[in-house]
Amino acid sequence: MRTIGLLALLLSSISSLAQPVDLAGGLVAYYPFNGNANDESGNGNHGVVRGATLTADRFNNSGSAYQFCDSTYIELPPNVCIYGNFTIPLWVNVKQFSSWGRIIEFGSGQWTNNVAISAAFEDTDKPCLSLCNSSGCNNIVSETGMESN
């Protein structure tokens, strides 16, 4: 079983990390998890909760984070799939590792043209960024593992 608590997710398309970020001009979606998975950027990119349950966040604010187990997730609209540079700040509390426990995944779900951030690469405790297309996946695996709570 995989349990991951996400606190807030901000998706922003930016041109360069060295330049100041204009959130008003590049913000794609903002999910503060205020009791739901609604996009509060004003762009209407609301998420659909698929089995995940609301829980307390890291500051013990009730209903301000989501807990994911097994195949639960939050589905985002297709236009949230970002091409080019992007930033995804988030807090994750891993209670147990499982093989390929995805935290975030963009794409078709068929491992073609997908980007996935996983809490665990295969059967390790090492976070992984996977970039996949029809030819296969390139995995960038952390040299150090994460601790679970």
N, C-alpha and C. Protein backbone atom coordinates (compact mmCIF):
# COMPACT_ATOMS: atom_id res chain seq x y z
N MET A 1 0.83 -1.17 0.00
CA MET A 1 0.00 0.00 0.00
C MET A 1 0.88 1.24 0.00
N ARG A 2 0.47 2.26 -0.75
CA ARG A 2 1.20 3.50 -0.85
C ARG A 2 0.36 4.60 -0.22
N THR A 3 0.93 5.39 0.65
CA THR A 3 0.24 6.51 1.25
C THR A 3 1.10 7.74 1.08
N ILE A 4 0.56 8.75 0.42
CA ILE A 4 1.29 9.98 0.17
C ILE A 4 0.37 11.14 0.50
N GLY A 5 0.83 12.07 1.29
CA GLY A 5 0.04 13.27 1.58
C GLY A 5 0.57 14.44 0.78
N LEU A 6 -0.27 15.05 -0.03
CA LEU A 6 0.11 16.24 -0.79
C LEU A 6 -0.54 17.44 -0.15
N LEU A 7 0.20 18.51 0.00
CA LEU A 7 -0.33 19.68 0.69
C LEU A 7 -0.83 20.73 -0.28
N ALA A 8 -0.04 21.15 -1.20
CA ALA A 8 -0.49 22.14 -2.17
C ALA A 8 0.31 21.94 -3.44
N LEU A 9 -0.33 22.17 -4.55
CA LEU A 9 0.31 21.98 -5.83
C LEU A 9 0.12 23.24 -6.65
N LEU A 10 1.22 23.79 -7.14
CA LEU A 10 1.19 25.00 -7.94
C LEU A 10 1.90 24.67 -9.24
N LEU A 11 1.20 24.82 -10.35
CA LEU A 11 1.80 24.56 -11.65
C LEU A 11 2.00 25.89 -12.35
N SER A 12 3.20 26.16 -12.75
CA SER A 12 3.50 27.42 -13.38
C SER A 12 4.45 27.19 -14.54
N SER A 13 4.09 27.68 -15.69
CA SER A 13 4.96 27.61 -16.85
C SER A 13 5.86 28.84 -16.83
N ILE A 14 7.18 28.61 -16.79
CA ILE A 14 8.10 29.74 -16.70
C ILE A 14 9.14 29.65 -17.80
N SER A 15 9.69 30.78 -18.18
CA SER A 15 10.66 30.78 -19.26
C SER A 15 12.07 30.49 -18.78
N SER A 16 12.40 30.85 -17.55
CA SER A 16 13.74 30.60 -17.04
C SER A 16 13.73 30.69 -15.52
N LEU A 17 14.45 29.78 -14.87
CA LEU A 17 14.53 29.80 -13.42
C LEU A 17 15.32 31.01 -12.93
N ALA A 18 16.20 31.57 -13.75
CA ALA A 18 17.01 32.71 -13.35
C ALA A 18 16.23 34.02 -13.41
N GLN A 19 15.11 34.04 -14.14
CA GLN A 19 14.32 35.25 -14.27
C GLN A 19 13.23 35.29 -13.21
N PRO A 20 12.78 36.51 -12.83
CA PRO A 20 11.66 36.60 -11.90
C PRO A 20 10.43 35.94 -12.51
N VAL A 21 9.64 35.30 -11.69
CA VAL A 21 8.46 34.59 -12.18
C VAL A 21 7.25 35.49 -12.07
N ASP A 22 6.53 35.66 -13.17
CA ASP A 22 5.28 36.41 -13.20
C ASP A 22 4.15 35.40 -13.10
N LEU A 23 3.69 35.13 -11.87
CA LEU A 23 2.64 34.13 -11.69
C LEU A 23 1.34 34.52 -12.37
N ALA A 24 1.05 35.80 -12.44
CA ALA A 24 -0.19 36.22 -13.09
C ALA A 24 -0.15 35.90 -14.58
N GLY A 25 1.04 35.94 -15.19
CA GLY A 25 1.17 35.69 -16.62
C GLY A 25 1.41 34.24 -16.97
N GLY A 26 1.97 33.45 -16.07
CA GLY A 26 2.32 32.09 -16.42
C GLY A 26 1.65 31.01 -15.61
N LEU A 27 0.81 31.38 -14.65
CA LEU A 27 0.18 30.39 -13.80
C LEU A 27 -0.83 29.56 -14.59
N VAL A 28 -0.66 28.25 -14.55
CA VAL A 28 -1.56 27.33 -15.23
C VAL A 28 -2.65 26.85 -14.28
N ALA A 29 -2.25 26.50 -13.04
CA ALA A 29 -3.21 26.01 -12.06
C ALA A 29 -2.65 26.19 -10.66
N TYR A 30 -3.55 26.33 -9.68
CA TYR A 30 -3.16 26.43 -8.28
C TYR A 30 -4.15 25.62 -7.46
N TYR A 31 -3.63 24.60 -6.77
CA TYR A 31 -4.46 23.69 -5.98
C TYR A 31 -4.07 23.80 -4.50
N PRO A 32 -4.72 24.70 -3.74
CA PRO A 32 -4.39 24.83 -2.32
C PRO A 32 -5.04 23.73 -1.47
N PHE A 33 -5.89 22.89 -2.05
CA PHE A 33 -6.58 21.80 -1.35
C PHE A 33 -7.34 22.34 -0.13
N ASN A 34 -8.26 23.24 -0.40
CA ASN A 34 -9.13 23.81 0.63
C ASN A 34 -10.41 22.98 0.75
N GLY A 35 -10.26 21.68 0.98
CA GLY A 35 -11.42 20.80 1.09
C GLY A 35 -11.84 20.22 -0.24
N ASN A 36 -11.11 20.54 -1.31
CA ASN A 36 -11.42 20.00 -2.64
C ASN A 36 -10.17 20.11 -3.51
N ALA A 37 -10.30 19.71 -4.76
CA ALA A 37 -9.17 19.79 -5.70
C ALA A 37 -9.44 20.84 -6.78
N ASN A 38 -10.13 21.90 -6.40
CA ASN A 38 -10.43 22.97 -7.35
C ASN A 38 -9.21 23.83 -7.63
N ASP A 39 -9.10 24.27 -8.88
CA ASP A 39 -8.05 25.18 -9.31
C ASP A 39 -8.48 26.59 -8.90
N GLU A 40 -7.67 27.25 -8.07
CA GLU A 40 -8.01 28.59 -7.62
C GLU A 40 -7.20 29.67 -8.32
N SER A 41 -6.65 29.32 -9.51
CA SER A 41 -5.92 30.31 -10.30
C SER A 41 -6.86 31.19 -11.11
N GLY A 42 -8.11 30.76 -11.24
CA GLY A 42 -9.06 31.45 -12.10
C GLY A 42 -9.11 30.86 -13.49
N ASN A 43 -8.29 29.83 -13.77
CA ASN A 43 -8.26 29.21 -15.10
C ASN A 43 -9.24 28.06 -15.26
N GLY A 44 -9.87 27.62 -14.17
CA GLY A 44 -10.89 26.57 -14.26
C GLY A 44 -10.35 25.17 -14.49
N ASN A 45 -9.08 24.91 -14.16
CA ASN A 45 -8.49 23.58 -14.35
C ASN A 45 -8.70 22.71 -13.11
N HIS A 46 -9.96 22.49 -12.75
CA HIS A 46 -10.30 21.75 -11.54
C HIS A 46 -9.90 20.28 -11.65
N GLY A 47 -9.43 19.73 -10.54
CA GLY A 47 -9.11 18.32 -10.47
C GLY A 47 -10.33 17.51 -10.06
N VAL A 48 -10.33 16.24 -10.46
CA VAL A 48 -11.39 15.31 -10.06
C VAL A 48 -10.75 14.27 -9.15
N VAL A 49 -11.19 14.20 -7.91
CA VAL A 49 -10.63 13.29 -6.92
C VAL A 49 -11.10 11.88 -7.23
N ARG A 50 -10.18 10.95 -7.40
CA ARG A 50 -10.47 9.56 -7.72
C ARG A 50 -10.01 8.68 -6.56
N GLY A 51 -10.78 8.69 -5.46
CA GLY A 51 -10.53 7.80 -4.34
C GLY A 51 -9.63 8.36 -3.25
N ALA A 52 -8.87 9.42 -3.52
CA ALA A 52 -8.02 10.02 -2.49
C ALA A 52 -8.91 10.65 -1.42
N THR A 53 -8.41 10.71 -0.20
CA THR A 53 -9.21 11.25 0.89
C THR A 53 -8.53 12.47 1.51
N LEU A 54 -9.36 13.43 1.90
CA LEU A 54 -8.84 14.62 2.57
C LEU A 54 -8.28 14.24 3.94
N THR A 55 -7.21 14.93 4.33
CA THR A 55 -6.56 14.71 5.61
C THR A 55 -5.97 16.03 6.09
N ALA A 56 -5.37 16.04 7.25
CA ALA A 56 -4.72 17.25 7.78
C ALA A 56 -3.38 17.47 7.08
N ASP A 57 -3.02 18.73 6.90
CA ASP A 57 -1.73 19.05 6.30
C ASP A 57 -0.63 19.04 7.36
N ARG A 58 0.57 19.47 6.99
CA ARG A 58 1.72 19.42 7.89
C ARG A 58 1.58 20.35 9.09
N PHE A 59 0.63 21.30 9.01
CA PHE A 59 0.36 22.21 10.13
C PHE A 59 -0.88 21.78 10.90
N ASN A 60 -1.38 20.58 10.60
CA ASN A 60 -2.55 19.99 11.23
C ASN A 60 -3.86 20.72 10.89
N ASN A 61 -3.91 21.38 9.72
CA ASN A 61 -5.13 22.00 9.24
C ASN A 61 -5.99 20.93 8.56
N SER A 62 -7.12 20.64 9.13
CA SER A 62 -8.00 19.59 8.64
C SER A 62 -8.47 19.88 7.21
N GLY A 63 -8.53 18.84 6.37
CA GLY A 63 -9.04 18.97 5.00
C GLY A 63 -8.17 19.80 4.08
N SER A 64 -6.87 19.90 4.37
CA SER A 64 -5.97 20.74 3.57
C SER A 64 -4.88 19.95 2.87
N ALA A 65 -5.03 18.63 2.81
CA ALA A 65 -4.08 17.75 2.10
C ALA A 65 -4.86 16.52 1.65
N TYR A 66 -4.25 15.74 0.78
CA TYR A 66 -4.86 14.49 0.32
C TYR A 66 -3.98 13.31 0.68
N GLN A 67 -4.62 12.20 1.01
CA GLN A 67 -3.93 10.94 1.27
C GLN A 67 -4.27 9.99 0.12
N PHE A 68 -3.22 9.37 -0.43
CA PHE A 68 -3.37 8.47 -1.57
C PHE A 68 -2.93 7.07 -1.16
N CYS A 69 -3.72 6.08 -1.52
CA CYS A 69 -3.39 4.68 -1.26
C CYS A 69 -3.66 3.89 -2.53
N ASP A 70 -2.77 2.97 -2.84
CA ASP A 70 -2.92 2.08 -3.99
C ASP A 70 -3.19 2.86 -5.27
N SER A 71 -4.37 2.75 -5.87
CA SER A 71 -4.62 3.36 -7.17
C SER A 71 -5.44 4.64 -7.08
N THR A 72 -5.42 5.34 -5.95
CA THR A 72 -6.14 6.60 -5.84
C THR A 72 -5.31 7.73 -6.43
N TYR A 73 -5.99 8.75 -6.93
CA TYR A 73 -5.28 9.86 -7.56
C TYR A 73 -6.22 11.04 -7.75
N ILE A 74 -5.68 12.16 -8.20
CA ILE A 74 -6.47 13.32 -8.61
C ILE A 74 -6.21 13.52 -10.10
N GLU A 75 -7.28 13.46 -10.86
CA GLU A 75 -7.19 13.62 -12.32
C GLU A 75 -7.28 15.10 -12.66
N LEU A 76 -6.33 15.56 -13.46
CA LEU A 76 -6.32 16.95 -13.90
C LEU A 76 -6.71 17.02 -15.37
N PRO A 77 -7.26 18.14 -15.82
CA PRO A 77 -7.64 18.27 -17.23
C PRO A 77 -6.43 18.15 -18.14
N PRO A 78 -6.63 17.68 -19.39
CA PRO A 78 -5.51 17.49 -20.32
C PRO A 78 -4.69 18.75 -20.58
N ASN A 79 -5.31 19.93 -20.54
CA ASN A 79 -4.56 21.15 -20.85
C ASN A 79 -3.59 21.54 -19.73
N VAL A 80 -3.62 20.84 -18.59
CA VAL A 80 -2.67 21.10 -17.52
C VAL A 80 -1.33 20.44 -17.85
N CYS A 81 -1.32 19.50 -18.77
CA CYS A 81 -0.06 18.88 -19.21
C CYS A 81 0.79 19.95 -19.85
N ILE A 82 1.92 20.25 -19.22
CA ILE A 82 2.74 21.38 -19.63
C ILE A 82 3.91 20.90 -20.48
N TYR A 83 4.16 21.61 -21.55
CA TYR A 83 5.31 21.33 -22.40
C TYR A 83 6.26 22.51 -22.27
N GLY A 84 7.53 22.24 -22.16
CA GLY A 84 8.51 23.29 -21.94
C GLY A 84 8.88 23.35 -20.47
N ASN A 85 9.37 24.49 -20.01
CA ASN A 85 9.79 24.66 -18.63
C ASN A 85 8.58 24.78 -17.71
N PHE A 86 8.67 24.16 -16.53
CA PHE A 86 7.58 24.28 -15.56
C PHE A 86 8.12 24.05 -14.17
N THR A 87 7.34 24.49 -13.17
CA THR A 87 7.70 24.34 -11.77
C THR A 87 6.54 23.70 -11.02
N ILE A 88 6.85 22.73 -10.15
CA ILE A 88 5.84 22.06 -9.34
C ILE A 88 6.33 22.03 -7.90
N PRO A 89 6.01 23.05 -7.10
CA PRO A 89 6.37 22.97 -5.68
C PRO A 89 5.32 22.16 -4.92
N LEU A 90 5.76 21.27 -4.04
CA LEU A 90 4.82 20.48 -3.26
C LEU A 90 5.50 19.92 -2.04
N TRP A 91 4.69 19.54 -1.06
CA TRP A 91 5.17 18.85 0.14
C TRP A 91 4.63 17.43 0.08
N VAL A 92 5.48 16.45 0.37
CA VAL A 92 5.06 15.05 0.34
C VAL A 92 5.50 14.37 1.63
N ASN A 93 4.60 13.63 2.23
CA ASN A 93 4.90 12.85 3.42
C ASN A 93 4.70 11.38 3.04
N VAL A 94 5.78 10.65 2.87
CA VAL A 94 5.72 9.25 2.46
C VAL A 94 5.68 8.38 3.71
N LYS A 95 4.61 7.61 3.85
CA LYS A 95 4.49 6.73 5.01
C LYS A 95 5.01 5.33 4.71
N GLN A 96 4.94 4.95 3.44
CA GLN A 96 5.45 3.63 3.04
C GLN A 96 5.79 3.69 1.56
N PHE A 97 6.91 3.08 1.19
CA PHE A 97 7.33 3.07 -0.21
C PHE A 97 6.72 1.88 -0.93
N SER A 98 6.39 2.09 -2.20
CA SER A 98 5.99 0.98 -3.06
C SER A 98 6.61 1.23 -4.43
N SER A 99 6.79 0.18 -5.18
CA SER A 99 7.42 0.28 -6.48
C SER A 99 6.67 1.27 -7.37
N TRP A 100 7.38 2.23 -7.90
CA TRP A 100 6.84 3.23 -8.82
C TRP A 100 5.68 4.00 -8.22
N GLY A 101 5.74 4.30 -6.92
CA GLY A 101 4.69 5.09 -6.28
C GLY A 101 4.70 6.52 -6.81
N ARG A 102 3.91 6.78 -7.84
CA ARG A 102 3.92 8.09 -8.48
C ARG A 102 3.33 9.16 -7.57
N ILE A 103 3.98 10.31 -7.54
CA ILE A 103 3.46 11.48 -6.84
C ILE A 103 2.69 12.34 -7.83
N ILE A 104 3.29 12.59 -8.99
CA ILE A 104 2.66 13.39 -10.05
C ILE A 104 2.98 12.72 -11.37
N GLU A 105 2.00 12.68 -12.25
CA GLU A 105 2.23 12.17 -13.60
C GLU A 105 1.42 13.00 -14.58
N PHE A 106 2.07 13.42 -15.65
CA PHE A 106 1.42 14.11 -16.76
C PHE A 106 1.48 13.20 -17.96
N GLY A 107 0.42 13.14 -18.72
CA GLY A 107 0.43 12.38 -19.96
C GLY A 107 -0.78 11.49 -20.10
N SER A 108 -0.65 10.51 -20.98
CA SER A 108 -1.77 9.66 -21.34
C SER A 108 -2.01 8.50 -20.38
N GLY A 109 -1.06 8.24 -19.48
CA GLY A 109 -1.18 7.10 -18.59
C GLY A 109 -0.71 5.80 -19.22
N GLN A 110 -0.28 5.84 -20.46
CA GLN A 110 0.16 4.65 -21.17
C GLN A 110 1.68 4.58 -21.29
N TRP A 111 2.40 5.42 -20.54
CA TRP A 111 3.86 5.51 -20.59
C TRP A 111 4.38 5.90 -21.95
N THR A 112 3.59 6.67 -22.68
CA THR A 112 4.08 7.29 -23.91
C THR A 112 3.83 8.78 -23.77
N ASN A 113 4.87 9.56 -23.96
CA ASN A 113 4.80 11.01 -23.80
C ASN A 113 4.33 11.40 -22.41
N ASN A 114 4.87 10.76 -21.39
CA ASN A 114 4.54 11.05 -19.99
C ASN A 114 5.74 11.63 -19.26
N VAL A 115 5.43 12.41 -18.24
CA VAL A 115 6.40 12.86 -17.26
C VAL A 115 5.87 12.42 -15.92
N ALA A 116 6.68 11.72 -15.12
CA ALA A 116 6.23 11.24 -13.82
C ALA A 116 7.29 11.53 -12.77
N ILE A 117 6.85 11.95 -11.60
CA ILE A 117 7.71 12.07 -10.43
C ILE A 117 7.26 10.99 -9.47
N SER A 118 8.16 10.09 -9.12
CA SER A 118 7.83 8.96 -8.25
C SER A 118 8.57 9.06 -6.93
N ALA A 119 7.91 8.63 -5.86
CA ALA A 119 8.54 8.61 -4.54
C ALA A 119 9.59 7.52 -4.47
N ALA A 120 9.40 6.46 -5.25
CA ALA A 120 10.32 5.33 -5.18
C ALA A 120 10.58 4.79 -6.58
N PHE A 121 11.85 4.67 -6.94
CA PHE A 121 12.24 4.06 -8.21
C PHE A 121 12.29 2.55 -8.02
N GLU A 122 11.48 1.85 -8.78
CA GLU A 122 11.37 0.39 -8.66
C GLU A 122 11.17 0.02 -7.20
N ASP A 123 12.02 -0.79 -6.60
CA ASP A 123 11.83 -1.21 -5.21
C ASP A 123 12.80 -0.52 -4.26
N THR A 124 13.13 0.75 -4.54
CA THR A 124 14.06 1.49 -3.69
C THR A 124 13.31 2.62 -2.97
N ASP A 125 14.02 3.35 -2.14
CA ASP A 125 13.46 4.52 -1.48
C ASP A 125 13.97 5.80 -2.15
N LYS A 126 14.44 5.68 -3.40
CA LYS A 126 15.04 6.81 -4.10
C LYS A 126 14.02 7.47 -5.03
N PRO A 127 13.78 8.78 -4.86
CA PRO A 127 12.87 9.48 -5.76
C PRO A 127 13.38 9.44 -7.19
N CYS A 128 12.45 9.56 -8.14
CA CYS A 128 12.80 9.41 -9.55
C CYS A 128 11.96 10.35 -10.41
N LEU A 129 12.58 10.94 -11.42
CA LEU A 129 11.89 11.69 -12.46
C LEU A 129 11.98 10.84 -13.72
N SER A 130 10.84 10.49 -14.31
CA SER A 130 10.80 9.68 -15.53
C SER A 130 10.27 10.51 -16.68
N LEU A 131 10.99 10.51 -17.79
CA LEU A 131 10.58 11.18 -19.02
C LEU A 131 10.40 10.09 -20.06
N CYS A 132 9.15 9.89 -20.50
CA CYS A 132 8.84 8.76 -21.37
C CYS A 132 8.26 9.21 -22.71
N ASN A 133 8.62 8.45 -23.75
CA ASN A 133 7.99 8.63 -25.05
C ASN A 133 7.83 7.25 -25.67
N SER A 134 7.43 7.19 -26.93
CA SER A 134 7.16 5.89 -27.56
C SER A 134 8.40 5.01 -27.67
N SER A 135 9.61 5.58 -27.52
CA SER A 135 10.85 4.80 -27.58
C SER A 135 11.27 4.23 -26.24
N GLY A 136 10.64 4.67 -25.15
CA GLY A 136 11.01 4.20 -23.82
C GLY A 136 11.09 5.34 -22.83
N CYS A 137 11.66 5.05 -21.66
CA CYS A 137 11.75 6.05 -20.58
C CYS A 137 13.20 6.35 -20.22
N ASN A 138 13.46 7.59 -19.92
CA ASN A 138 14.72 8.01 -19.32
C ASN A 138 14.41 8.33 -17.86
N ASN A 139 15.09 7.65 -16.95
CA ASN A 139 14.85 7.84 -15.53
C ASN A 139 16.02 8.57 -14.89
N ILE A 140 15.71 9.62 -14.18
CA ILE A 140 16.70 10.35 -13.39
C ILE A 140 16.42 9.99 -11.95
N VAL A 141 17.32 9.19 -11.36
CA VAL A 141 17.10 8.64 -10.02
C VAL A 141 18.03 9.34 -9.03
N SER A 142 17.47 9.73 -7.90
CA SER A 142 18.25 10.37 -6.84
C SER A 142 19.34 9.42 -6.35
N GLU A 143 20.49 9.97 -5.99
CA GLU A 143 21.56 9.15 -5.43
C GLU A 143 21.28 8.77 -3.99
N THR A 144 20.46 9.56 -3.31
CA THR A 144 20.12 9.26 -1.91
C THR A 144 18.64 8.96 -1.78
N GLY A 145 18.31 8.14 -0.81
CA GLY A 145 16.93 7.77 -0.57
C GLY A 145 16.23 8.75 0.36
N MET A 146 14.91 8.60 0.43
CA MET A 146 14.10 9.41 1.35
C MET A 146 13.75 8.54 2.56
N GLU A 147 13.47 9.20 3.66
CA GLU A 147 12.99 8.49 4.84
C GLU A 147 11.48 8.51 4.83
N SER A 148 10.86 7.42 5.31
CA SER A 148 9.41 7.41 5.44
C SER A 148 9.04 7.70 6.88
N ASN A 149 7.83 8.18 7.08
CA ASN A 149 7.34 8.49 8.43
C ASN A 149 6.52 7.33 8.95
